[in-house]
């Protein structure tokens, strides 16, 4: 095992996604402070910030609600505890509506900060989530639900 793959496995499913989002949000604020020349000034961004954050919160809550109704775990660091393959509600549109919701909240935060450096950091969240959260979750769900999960994965996009 290479050092790089050991690091990847070391982070896989270790950091709860809301904590990842908060860390990225803090880095976005710091980026705005560090590079004020990359700031924009337009009132449209304030409206976009509120709409994006509200949509993200609604989407994440819808995902949580669907999991609760299915009586399965929402704990992101233990996908092996999943008792039901959820494919209804917002899960018909995205395999990861809770993570998409967090990404939309970060987009709203980026718009509120009105800074290009801050906005660029949303991609850090998406890349991290794909590599260290979603891919390991998909592996666990494939092991648990086999062909049913594979069919779902093939018919619904990872993000949107």
N, C-alpha and C. Protein backbone atom coordinates (compact mmCIF):
# COMPACT_ATOMS: atom_id res chain seq x y z
N UNK A 1 0.85 -1.17 0.00
CA UNK A 1 0.00 0.00 0.00
C UNK A 1 0.90 1.23 0.00
N UNK A 2 0.61 2.15 -0.91
CA UNK A 2 1.41 3.37 -0.97
C UNK A 2 1.00 4.33 0.14
N UNK A 3 1.87 5.28 0.41
CA UNK A 3 1.57 6.28 1.43
C UNK A 3 0.33 7.07 1.05
N UNK A 4 0.21 7.39 -0.23
CA UNK A 4 -0.95 8.17 -0.69
C UNK A 4 -2.26 7.39 -0.47
N UNK A 5 -2.30 6.11 -0.84
CA UNK A 5 -3.53 5.34 -0.65
C UNK A 5 -3.80 5.10 0.83
N UNK A 6 -2.74 5.01 1.63
CA UNK A 6 -2.94 4.87 3.09
C UNK A 6 -3.59 6.13 3.65
N UNK A 7 -3.13 7.30 3.18
CA UNK A 7 -3.75 8.55 3.63
C UNK A 7 -5.20 8.60 3.21
N UNK A 8 -5.49 8.19 1.99
CA UNK A 8 -6.86 8.22 1.49
C UNK A 8 -7.74 7.32 2.35
N UNK A 9 -7.29 6.13 2.65
CA UNK A 9 -8.07 5.23 3.48
C UNK A 9 -8.21 5.78 4.89
N UNK A 10 -7.18 6.48 5.33
CA UNK A 10 -7.23 7.07 6.66
C UNK A 10 -8.30 8.13 6.80
N UNK A 11 -8.59 8.86 5.74
CA UNK A 11 -9.62 9.90 5.78
C UNK A 11 -11.01 9.37 5.40
N UNK A 12 -11.05 8.25 4.71
CA UNK A 12 -12.33 7.74 4.21
C UNK A 12 -13.31 7.52 5.37
N UNK A 13 -14.46 8.14 5.25
CA UNK A 13 -15.57 8.01 6.19
C UNK A 13 -15.21 8.42 7.62
N UNK A 14 -14.18 9.24 7.78
CA UNK A 14 -13.74 9.63 9.12
C UNK A 14 -14.32 10.96 9.59
N UNK A 15 -14.44 11.92 8.70
CA UNK A 15 -14.86 13.26 9.09
C UNK A 15 -16.32 13.46 8.68
N UNK A 16 -17.20 13.73 9.62
CA UNK A 16 -18.61 13.93 9.27
C UNK A 16 -18.77 15.07 8.26
N UNK A 17 -19.57 14.88 7.22
CA UNK A 17 -19.74 15.90 6.18
C UNK A 17 -20.10 17.30 6.70
N UNK A 18 -20.95 17.45 7.72
CA UNK A 18 -21.19 18.82 8.20
C UNK A 18 -19.91 19.49 8.72
N UNK A 19 -19.02 18.72 9.32
CA UNK A 19 -17.76 19.27 9.79
C UNK A 19 -16.86 19.65 8.61
N UNK A 20 -16.88 18.85 7.57
CA UNK A 20 -16.13 19.19 6.35
C UNK A 20 -16.67 20.51 5.80
N UNK A 21 -17.99 20.64 5.73
CA UNK A 21 -18.60 21.86 5.21
C UNK A 21 -18.24 23.07 6.08
N UNK A 22 -18.28 22.92 7.39
CA UNK A 22 -17.91 24.03 8.27
C UNK A 22 -16.45 24.42 8.10
N UNK A 23 -15.59 23.46 7.92
CA UNK A 23 -14.17 23.73 7.71
C UNK A 23 -13.95 24.49 6.41
N UNK A 24 -14.63 24.04 5.36
CA UNK A 24 -14.53 24.73 4.07
C UNK A 24 -15.11 26.14 4.19
N UNK A 25 -16.23 26.29 4.90
CA UNK A 25 -16.84 27.62 5.09
C UNK A 25 -15.86 28.57 5.80
N UNK A 26 -15.15 28.07 6.80
CA UNK A 26 -14.16 28.89 7.49
C UNK A 26 -13.01 29.26 6.56
N UNK A 27 -12.58 28.30 5.75
CA UNK A 27 -11.51 28.58 4.78
C UNK A 27 -11.97 29.61 3.75
N UNK A 28 -13.25 29.57 3.40
CA UNK A 28 -13.79 30.55 2.45
C UNK A 28 -13.74 31.95 3.05
N UNK A 29 -14.08 32.07 4.32
CA UNK A 29 -14.02 33.37 4.99
C UNK A 29 -12.57 33.88 5.03
N UNK A 30 -11.65 32.97 5.36
CA UNK A 30 -10.24 33.34 5.40
C UNK A 30 -9.74 33.75 4.02
N UNK A 31 -10.19 33.07 2.98
CA UNK A 31 -9.79 33.41 1.61
C UNK A 31 -10.25 34.82 1.26
N UNK A 32 -11.47 35.15 1.66
CA UNK A 32 -11.97 36.51 1.39
C UNK A 32 -11.09 37.54 2.09
N UNK A 33 -10.69 37.24 3.33
CA UNK A 33 -9.84 38.16 4.08
C UNK A 33 -8.45 38.26 3.45
N UNK A 34 -7.95 37.16 2.94
CA UNK A 34 -6.61 37.11 2.37
C UNK A 34 -6.54 37.78 1.00
N UNK A 35 -7.59 37.65 0.19
CA UNK A 35 -7.60 38.17 -1.17
C UNK A 35 -8.80 39.10 -1.40
N UNK A 36 -8.81 40.25 -0.75
CA UNK A 36 -9.94 41.17 -0.92
C UNK A 36 -10.05 41.72 -2.34
N UNK A 37 -8.96 41.69 -3.09
CA UNK A 37 -9.01 42.18 -4.47
C UNK A 37 -9.90 41.32 -5.36
N UNK A 38 -10.17 40.08 -4.91
CA UNK A 38 -11.02 39.17 -5.68
C UNK A 38 -12.50 39.29 -5.29
N UNK A 39 -12.81 40.31 -4.52
CA UNK A 39 -14.20 40.51 -4.09
C UNK A 39 -15.00 41.21 -5.18
N UNK A 40 -16.28 40.93 -5.19
CA UNK A 40 -17.23 41.51 -6.14
C UNK A 40 -18.24 42.34 -5.36
N UNK A 41 -18.88 43.24 -6.04
CA UNK A 41 -19.90 44.02 -5.37
C UNK A 41 -21.13 44.14 -6.26
N UNK A 42 -22.15 43.38 -5.93
CA UNK A 42 -23.41 43.45 -6.65
C UNK A 42 -24.53 42.94 -5.75
N UNK A 43 -25.64 43.64 -5.68
CA UNK A 43 -26.74 43.22 -4.81
C UNK A 43 -27.36 41.89 -5.23
N UNK A 44 -27.18 41.50 -6.47
CA UNK A 44 -27.72 40.22 -6.95
C UNK A 44 -27.14 39.06 -6.14
N UNK A 45 -25.89 39.19 -5.74
CA UNK A 45 -25.24 38.10 -4.99
C UNK A 45 -25.92 37.85 -3.65
N UNK A 46 -26.43 38.91 -3.01
CA UNK A 46 -27.13 38.72 -1.74
C UNK A 46 -28.39 37.88 -1.93
N UNK A 47 -29.13 38.15 -2.98
CA UNK A 47 -30.34 37.38 -3.29
C UNK A 47 -29.97 35.94 -3.62
N UNK A 48 -28.94 35.78 -4.45
CA UNK A 48 -28.47 34.44 -4.81
C UNK A 48 -28.01 33.68 -3.57
N UNK A 49 -27.36 34.36 -2.65
CA UNK A 49 -26.88 33.72 -1.42
C UNK A 49 -28.04 33.15 -0.62
N UNK A 50 -29.07 33.94 -0.43
CA UNK A 50 -30.22 33.50 0.37
C UNK A 50 -30.94 32.36 -0.33
N UNK A 51 -31.17 32.48 -1.64
CA UNK A 51 -31.88 31.44 -2.38
C UNK A 51 -31.10 30.12 -2.38
N UNK A 52 -29.80 30.20 -2.60
CA UNK A 52 -28.97 29.00 -2.64
C UNK A 52 -28.92 28.31 -1.28
N UNK A 53 -28.70 29.10 -0.24
CA UNK A 53 -28.64 28.51 1.11
C UNK A 53 -29.98 27.91 1.51
N UNK A 54 -31.07 28.60 1.20
CA UNK A 54 -32.40 28.08 1.54
C UNK A 54 -32.69 26.78 0.78
N UNK A 55 -32.34 26.74 -0.50
CA UNK A 55 -32.54 25.52 -1.28
C UNK A 55 -31.68 24.39 -0.72
N UNK A 56 -30.45 24.70 -0.34
CA UNK A 56 -29.57 23.67 0.22
C UNK A 56 -30.09 23.11 1.53
N UNK A 57 -30.57 23.97 2.39
CA UNK A 57 -31.13 23.52 3.68
C UNK A 57 -32.36 22.67 3.44
N UNK A 58 -33.23 23.12 2.55
CA UNK A 58 -34.46 22.36 2.26
C UNK A 58 -34.12 20.99 1.68
N UNK A 59 -33.17 20.93 0.78
CA UNK A 59 -32.77 19.66 0.16
C UNK A 59 -32.17 18.71 1.19
N UNK A 60 -31.28 19.22 2.03
CA UNK A 60 -30.66 18.37 3.06
C UNK A 60 -31.72 17.86 4.04
N UNK A 61 -32.62 18.72 4.46
CA UNK A 61 -33.68 18.30 5.39
C UNK A 61 -34.62 17.28 4.74
N UNK A 62 -34.89 17.46 3.46
CA UNK A 62 -35.73 16.48 2.75
C UNK A 62 -35.03 15.12 2.72
N UNK A 63 -33.73 15.12 2.49
CA UNK A 63 -32.97 13.86 2.50
C UNK A 63 -32.99 13.20 3.86
N UNK A 64 -32.80 13.99 4.90
CA UNK A 64 -32.83 13.45 6.27
C UNK A 64 -34.22 12.88 6.57
N UNK A 65 -35.25 13.62 6.20
CA UNK A 65 -36.62 13.17 6.44
C UNK A 65 -36.93 11.86 5.73
N UNK A 66 -36.46 11.73 4.51
CA UNK A 66 -36.69 10.50 3.75
C UNK A 66 -35.98 9.33 4.42
N UNK A 67 -34.77 9.53 4.89
CA UNK A 67 -34.06 8.47 5.62
C UNK A 67 -34.79 8.11 6.90
N UNK A 68 -35.27 9.09 7.62
CA UNK A 68 -35.98 8.83 8.89
C UNK A 68 -37.25 8.02 8.62
N UNK A 69 -38.00 8.41 7.58
CA UNK A 69 -39.23 7.66 7.25
C UNK A 69 -38.91 6.22 6.85
N UNK A 70 -37.75 6.01 6.24
CA UNK A 70 -37.34 4.66 5.85
C UNK A 70 -36.72 3.90 7.02
N UNK A 71 -36.60 4.57 8.16
CA UNK A 71 -36.04 3.98 9.38
C UNK A 71 -34.64 3.41 9.14
N UNK A 72 -33.79 4.23 8.51
CA UNK A 72 -32.40 3.83 8.29
C UNK A 72 -31.48 4.92 8.84
N UNK A 73 -30.24 4.59 9.02
CA UNK A 73 -29.29 5.51 9.63
C UNK A 73 -28.96 6.70 8.73
N UNK A 74 -28.76 7.85 9.34
CA UNK A 74 -28.25 9.00 8.60
C UNK A 74 -26.79 9.25 8.96
N UNK A 75 -26.22 8.36 9.75
CA UNK A 75 -24.84 8.53 10.22
C UNK A 75 -23.88 8.32 9.05
N UNK A 76 -23.21 9.37 8.57
CA UNK A 76 -22.42 9.26 7.35
C UNK A 76 -21.10 8.50 7.49
N UNK A 77 -20.64 8.28 8.70
CA UNK A 77 -19.36 7.58 8.84
C UNK A 77 -19.54 6.07 9.01
N UNK A 78 -20.80 5.62 8.99
CA UNK A 78 -21.07 4.18 9.12
C UNK A 78 -22.12 3.72 8.11
N UNK A 79 -21.79 3.76 6.81
CA UNK A 79 -22.77 3.34 5.81
C UNK A 79 -23.13 1.86 5.91
N UNK A 80 -22.28 1.08 6.54
CA UNK A 80 -22.58 -0.35 6.70
C UNK A 80 -23.78 -0.58 7.60
N UNK A 81 -24.18 0.42 8.37
CA UNK A 81 -25.35 0.30 9.25
C UNK A 81 -26.67 0.59 8.52
N UNK A 82 -26.58 0.90 7.25
CA UNK A 82 -27.77 1.20 6.46
C UNK A 82 -28.66 -0.04 6.42
N UNK A 83 -29.92 0.13 6.76
CA UNK A 83 -30.84 -1.01 6.78
C UNK A 83 -31.75 -1.06 5.55
N UNK A 84 -31.88 0.07 4.86
CA UNK A 84 -32.78 0.16 3.72
C UNK A 84 -32.13 0.95 2.62
N UNK A 85 -32.28 0.49 1.39
CA UNK A 85 -31.82 1.25 0.24
C UNK A 85 -32.92 2.27 -0.09
N UNK A 86 -32.63 3.54 0.12
CA UNK A 86 -33.62 4.60 -0.08
C UNK A 86 -33.49 5.13 -1.50
N UNK A 87 -34.58 5.02 -2.27
CA UNK A 87 -34.58 5.46 -3.67
C UNK A 87 -35.79 6.35 -3.98
N UNK A 88 -36.50 6.78 -2.95
CA UNK A 88 -37.70 7.58 -3.15
C UNK A 88 -37.46 9.03 -2.74
N UNK A 89 -38.47 9.85 -2.93
CA UNK A 89 -38.34 11.26 -2.55
C UNK A 89 -37.22 11.93 -3.32
N UNK A 90 -36.43 12.75 -2.63
CA UNK A 90 -35.34 13.47 -3.29
C UNK A 90 -34.26 12.52 -3.80
N UNK A 91 -34.27 11.29 -3.33
CA UNK A 91 -33.29 10.30 -3.78
C UNK A 91 -33.59 9.80 -5.19
N UNK A 92 -34.73 10.20 -5.77
CA UNK A 92 -35.00 9.92 -7.18
C UNK A 92 -34.23 10.88 -8.08
N UNK A 93 -33.83 12.04 -7.51
CA UNK A 93 -33.14 13.08 -8.28
C UNK A 93 -31.63 13.07 -8.07
N UNK A 94 -31.20 12.69 -6.88
CA UNK A 94 -29.78 12.71 -6.52
C UNK A 94 -29.51 11.58 -5.54
N UNK A 95 -28.37 10.90 -5.72
CA UNK A 95 -28.02 9.85 -4.76
C UNK A 95 -27.50 10.46 -3.46
N UNK A 96 -27.19 11.75 -3.47
CA UNK A 96 -26.61 12.41 -2.30
C UNK A 96 -27.23 13.77 -2.03
N UNK A 97 -28.54 13.84 -1.80
CA UNK A 97 -29.16 15.15 -1.61
C UNK A 97 -28.68 15.88 -0.36
N UNK A 98 -28.29 15.16 0.68
CA UNK A 98 -27.79 15.84 1.87
C UNK A 98 -26.46 16.54 1.57
N UNK A 99 -25.59 15.88 0.83
CA UNK A 99 -24.31 16.47 0.47
C UNK A 99 -24.50 17.59 -0.55
N UNK A 100 -25.41 17.38 -1.48
CA UNK A 100 -25.74 18.44 -2.44
C UNK A 100 -26.29 19.65 -1.70
N UNK A 101 -27.10 19.42 -0.68
CA UNK A 101 -27.62 20.51 0.14
C UNK A 101 -26.50 21.28 0.81
N UNK A 102 -25.53 20.57 1.37
CA UNK A 102 -24.38 21.25 1.98
C UNK A 102 -23.60 22.06 0.94
N UNK A 103 -23.44 21.50 -0.25
CA UNK A 103 -22.73 22.22 -1.31
C UNK A 103 -23.49 23.49 -1.71
N UNK A 104 -24.82 23.42 -1.76
CA UNK A 104 -25.61 24.61 -2.08
C UNK A 104 -25.51 25.66 -0.98
N UNK A 105 -25.47 25.22 0.27
CA UNK A 105 -25.28 26.18 1.37
C UNK A 105 -23.92 26.85 1.22
N UNK A 106 -22.90 26.08 0.87
CA UNK A 106 -21.57 26.67 0.65
C UNK A 106 -21.58 27.64 -0.54
N UNK A 107 -22.34 27.32 -1.58
CA UNK A 107 -22.48 28.25 -2.71
C UNK A 107 -23.14 29.55 -2.24
N UNK A 108 -24.15 29.41 -1.39
CA UNK A 108 -24.79 30.59 -0.83
C UNK A 108 -23.82 31.42 0.00
N UNK A 109 -23.01 30.74 0.80
CA UNK A 109 -22.00 31.42 1.62
C UNK A 109 -20.99 32.14 0.72
N UNK A 110 -20.58 31.47 -0.38
CA UNK A 110 -19.66 32.09 -1.33
C UNK A 110 -20.27 33.35 -1.94
N UNK A 111 -21.55 33.28 -2.29
CA UNK A 111 -22.23 34.45 -2.85
C UNK A 111 -22.32 35.56 -1.81
N UNK A 112 -22.60 35.19 -0.57
CA UNK A 112 -22.69 36.19 0.50
C UNK A 112 -21.34 36.88 0.72
N UNK A 113 -20.27 36.07 0.68
CA UNK A 113 -18.92 36.63 0.84
C UNK A 113 -18.50 37.45 -0.37
N UNK A 114 -19.11 37.17 -1.51
CA UNK A 114 -18.85 37.92 -2.75
C UNK A 114 -17.36 37.96 -3.09
N UNK A 115 -16.75 36.79 -3.07
CA UNK A 115 -15.31 36.72 -3.32
C UNK A 115 -15.01 35.50 -4.18
N UNK A 116 -14.26 35.70 -5.26
CA UNK A 116 -13.96 34.61 -6.18
C UNK A 116 -13.10 33.52 -5.55
N UNK A 117 -12.15 33.88 -4.69
CA UNK A 117 -11.32 32.88 -4.02
C UNK A 117 -12.18 32.01 -3.11
N UNK A 118 -13.09 32.63 -2.41
CA UNK A 118 -14.00 31.88 -1.54
C UNK A 118 -14.87 30.94 -2.37
N UNK A 119 -15.38 31.43 -3.48
CA UNK A 119 -16.24 30.61 -4.34
C UNK A 119 -15.48 29.39 -4.88
N UNK A 120 -14.22 29.57 -5.20
CA UNK A 120 -13.42 28.47 -5.74
C UNK A 120 -13.29 27.33 -4.73
N UNK A 121 -13.38 27.64 -3.45
CA UNK A 121 -13.20 26.61 -2.42
C UNK A 121 -14.39 25.66 -2.31
N UNK A 122 -15.51 25.99 -2.92
CA UNK A 122 -16.64 25.05 -2.94
C UNK A 122 -16.20 23.77 -3.64
N UNK A 123 -15.33 23.89 -4.63
CA UNK A 123 -14.85 22.70 -5.33
C UNK A 123 -14.04 21.78 -4.40
N UNK A 124 -13.37 22.35 -3.41
CA UNK A 124 -12.64 21.54 -2.43
C UNK A 124 -13.62 20.62 -1.71
N UNK A 125 -14.77 21.16 -1.31
CA UNK A 125 -15.79 20.35 -0.65
C UNK A 125 -16.25 19.21 -1.56
N UNK A 126 -16.55 19.52 -2.81
CA UNK A 126 -17.06 18.51 -3.74
C UNK A 126 -16.01 17.42 -3.98
N UNK A 127 -14.77 17.82 -4.20
CA UNK A 127 -13.70 16.83 -4.44
C UNK A 127 -13.50 15.97 -3.20
N UNK A 128 -13.43 16.59 -2.03
CA UNK A 128 -13.26 15.83 -0.79
C UNK A 128 -14.40 14.84 -0.61
N UNK A 129 -15.62 15.32 -0.77
CA UNK A 129 -16.79 14.45 -0.57
C UNK A 129 -16.78 13.28 -1.54
N UNK A 130 -16.46 13.53 -2.79
CA UNK A 130 -16.40 12.44 -3.76
C UNK A 130 -15.39 11.38 -3.36
N UNK A 131 -14.20 11.82 -3.00
CA UNK A 131 -13.11 10.88 -2.74
C UNK A 131 -13.22 10.17 -1.39
N UNK A 132 -13.50 10.93 -0.34
CA UNK A 132 -13.40 10.37 1.00
C UNK A 132 -14.74 9.99 1.64
N UNK A 133 -15.84 10.39 1.04
CA UNK A 133 -17.13 10.07 1.62
C UNK A 133 -17.98 9.25 0.65
N UNK A 134 -18.23 9.78 -0.52
CA UNK A 134 -19.19 9.15 -1.43
C UNK A 134 -18.68 7.83 -2.00
N UNK A 135 -17.45 7.80 -2.50
CA UNK A 135 -16.93 6.55 -3.07
C UNK A 135 -16.90 5.43 -2.02
N UNK A 136 -16.40 5.67 -0.79
CA UNK A 136 -16.47 4.60 0.22
C UNK A 136 -17.91 4.21 0.57
N UNK A 137 -18.83 5.19 0.62
CA UNK A 137 -20.24 4.86 0.87
C UNK A 137 -20.79 3.98 -0.24
N UNK A 138 -20.48 4.33 -1.48
CA UNK A 138 -20.98 3.54 -2.61
C UNK A 138 -20.47 2.11 -2.56
N UNK A 139 -19.20 1.95 -2.17
CA UNK A 139 -18.65 0.60 -2.02
C UNK A 139 -19.43 -0.19 -0.97
N UNK A 140 -19.68 0.45 0.18
CA UNK A 140 -20.41 -0.23 1.26
C UNK A 140 -21.84 -0.56 0.83
N UNK A 141 -22.50 0.35 0.14
CA UNK A 141 -23.88 0.10 -0.29
C UNK A 141 -23.94 -0.98 -1.36
N UNK A 142 -22.93 -1.03 -2.22
CA UNK A 142 -22.87 -2.09 -3.23
C UNK A 142 -22.68 -3.45 -2.57
N UNK A 143 -21.83 -3.50 -1.55
CA UNK A 143 -21.64 -4.76 -0.82
C UNK A 143 -22.93 -5.18 -0.12
N UNK A 144 -23.64 -4.21 0.43
CA UNK A 144 -24.84 -4.50 1.23
C UNK A 144 -26.04 -4.86 0.35
N UNK A 145 -26.24 -4.10 -0.75
CA UNK A 145 -27.46 -4.26 -1.54
C UNK A 145 -27.24 -4.81 -2.94
N UNK A 146 -26.00 -5.03 -3.32
CA UNK A 146 -25.68 -5.69 -4.59
C UNK A 146 -26.30 -5.07 -5.82
N UNK A 147 -26.98 -5.91 -6.61
CA UNK A 147 -27.56 -5.49 -7.88
C UNK A 147 -28.59 -4.38 -7.73
N UNK A 148 -29.32 -4.37 -6.63
CA UNK A 148 -30.31 -3.30 -6.42
C UNK A 148 -29.62 -1.94 -6.35
N UNK A 149 -28.50 -1.89 -5.62
CA UNK A 149 -27.79 -0.61 -5.54
C UNK A 149 -27.15 -0.26 -6.88
N UNK A 150 -26.59 -1.23 -7.56
CA UNK A 150 -25.98 -0.97 -8.86
C UNK A 150 -27.00 -0.41 -9.85
N UNK A 151 -28.21 -0.96 -9.86
CA UNK A 151 -29.26 -0.45 -10.75
C UNK A 151 -29.63 0.98 -10.37
N UNK A 152 -29.73 1.24 -9.07
CA UNK A 152 -30.03 2.59 -8.60
C UNK A 152 -28.91 3.55 -8.99
N UNK A 153 -27.68 3.14 -8.74
CA UNK A 153 -26.51 3.97 -9.06
C UNK A 153 -26.47 4.29 -10.56
N UNK A 154 -26.85 3.33 -11.37
CA UNK A 154 -26.81 3.53 -12.82
C UNK A 154 -27.96 4.41 -13.32
N UNK A 155 -29.01 4.58 -12.52
CA UNK A 155 -30.18 5.34 -12.99
C UNK A 155 -30.29 6.74 -12.36
N UNK A 156 -29.55 7.01 -11.27
CA UNK A 156 -29.65 8.30 -10.60
C UNK A 156 -28.24 8.88 -10.47
N UNK A 157 -28.10 10.14 -10.80
CA UNK A 157 -26.79 10.78 -10.76
C UNK A 157 -26.29 10.97 -9.32
N UNK A 158 -24.98 11.02 -9.19
CA UNK A 158 -24.34 11.16 -7.87
C UNK A 158 -24.72 12.48 -7.21
N UNK A 159 -24.65 13.58 -7.92
CA UNK A 159 -24.94 14.89 -7.36
C UNK A 159 -26.27 15.40 -7.85
N UNK A 160 -26.35 15.69 -9.13
CA UNK A 160 -27.61 16.18 -9.70
C UNK A 160 -27.64 15.95 -11.20
